[in-house]
Amino acid sequence: MDGENLVAMMGRVYVKCTAENGAIQAGDLLTTAGTRGHAMRADDPDRSFGAVIGKAMTSLEDGTGLVLVLVNLQ
């Protein structure tokens, strides 16, 4: 586990998120964002199937910030 990047495969972790696809509320599914290294709300379940990082456990109203996420990669 050498290097600068931290990787989580499962569990509760804080993830850098952006509200570029709308505000994130607890319970929203998250996927990769256009902002490098960030996640965003996945608003279309059909298109995001297989690309979901996890479920938000806290909210983010606007801008960028840390969101507690239940990571469950499948």
Protein backbone atom coordinates (compact mmCIF):
# COMPACT_ATOMS: atom_id res chain seq x y z
CA MET A 1 0.00 0.00 0.00
CA ASP A 2 2.74 2.44 -0.97
CA GLY A 3 1.87 5.76 -2.59
CA GLU A 4 -0.11 8.92 -2.00
CA ASN A 5 -3.62 7.83 -2.97
CA LEU A 6 -6.00 6.25 -0.49
CA VAL A 7 -8.46 3.66 -1.79
CA ALA A 8 -11.58 2.35 -0.03
CA MET A 9 -13.38 -0.70 -1.36
CA MET A 10 -16.09 -0.84 1.30
CA GLY A 11 -17.17 0.77 4.54
CA ARG A 12 -18.00 4.29 5.71
CA VAL A 13 -15.52 6.84 4.37
CA TYR A 14 -15.46 10.56 3.65
CA VAL A 15 -15.45 11.28 -0.08
CA LYS A 16 -14.73 14.54 -1.88
CA CYS A 17 -18.00 15.48 -3.57
CA THR A 18 -19.42 18.21 -5.77
CA ALA A 19 -22.99 19.42 -6.15
CA GLU A 20 -22.53 19.88 -9.92
CA ASN A 21 -25.45 17.50 -10.57
CA GLY A 22 -27.62 18.95 -7.80
CA ALA A 23 -27.54 19.00 -4.03
CA ILE A 24 -26.62 15.71 -2.36
CA GLN A 25 -28.99 14.43 0.32
CA ALA A 26 -28.54 11.47 2.66
CA GLY A 27 -29.63 8.35 0.77
CA ASP A 28 -28.60 9.57 -2.70
CA LEU A 29 -26.50 7.26 -4.84
CA LEU A 30 -23.14 8.73 -5.90
CA THR A 31 -21.08 8.27 -9.04
CA THR A 32 -17.93 9.83 -10.50
CA ALA A 33 -18.15 13.55 -11.28
CA GLY A 34 -16.72 15.71 -14.03
CA THR A 35 -14.55 17.36 -11.38
CA ARG A 36 -11.43 15.21 -11.09
CA GLY A 37 -11.27 13.17 -7.89
CA HIS A 38 -14.85 13.95 -6.83
CA ALA A 39 -18.20 12.17 -6.72
CA MET A 40 -21.65 13.60 -7.55
CA ARG A 41 -25.29 12.61 -7.18
CA ALA A 42 -26.40 9.92 -9.64
CA ASP A 43 -29.88 11.04 -10.68
CA ASP A 44 -30.65 8.38 -13.33
CA PRO A 45 -30.63 4.85 -11.84
CA ASP A 46 -30.74 3.19 -15.28
CA ARG A 47 -27.67 5.05 -16.58
CA SER A 48 -25.71 4.74 -13.34
CA PHE A 49 -26.12 0.97 -12.96
CA GLY A 50 -22.62 -0.42 -12.43
CA ALA A 51 -21.12 3.05 -11.89
CA VAL A 52 -22.33 3.74 -8.35
CA ILE A 53 -19.62 4.41 -5.76
CA GLY A 54 -21.94 4.22 -2.78
CA LYS A 55 -24.75 5.89 -0.84
CA ALA A 56 -24.47 9.32 0.78
CA MET A 57 -24.94 9.34 4.53
CA THR A 58 -24.64 13.14 4.91
CA SER A 59 -25.62 16.03 2.66
CA LEU A 60 -23.92 18.70 0.56
CA GLU A 61 -26.06 21.66 -0.50
CA ASP A 62 -23.71 23.40 -2.95
CA GLY A 63 -20.09 23.68 -4.05
CA THR A 64 -17.64 20.98 -3.02
CA GLY A 65 -16.97 19.28 0.28
CA LEU A 66 -16.65 16.01 2.15
CA VAL A 67 -19.63 13.66 2.35
CA LEU A 68 -19.76 10.55 4.51
CA VAL A 69 -20.44 7.68 2.09
CA LEU A 70 -21.29 4.02 2.58
CA VAL A 71 -18.97 2.61 -0.09
CA ASN A 72 -20.20 -0.62 -1.65
CA LEU A 73 -18.47 -1.38 -4.95
CA GLN A 74 -19.98 -4.27 -6.87
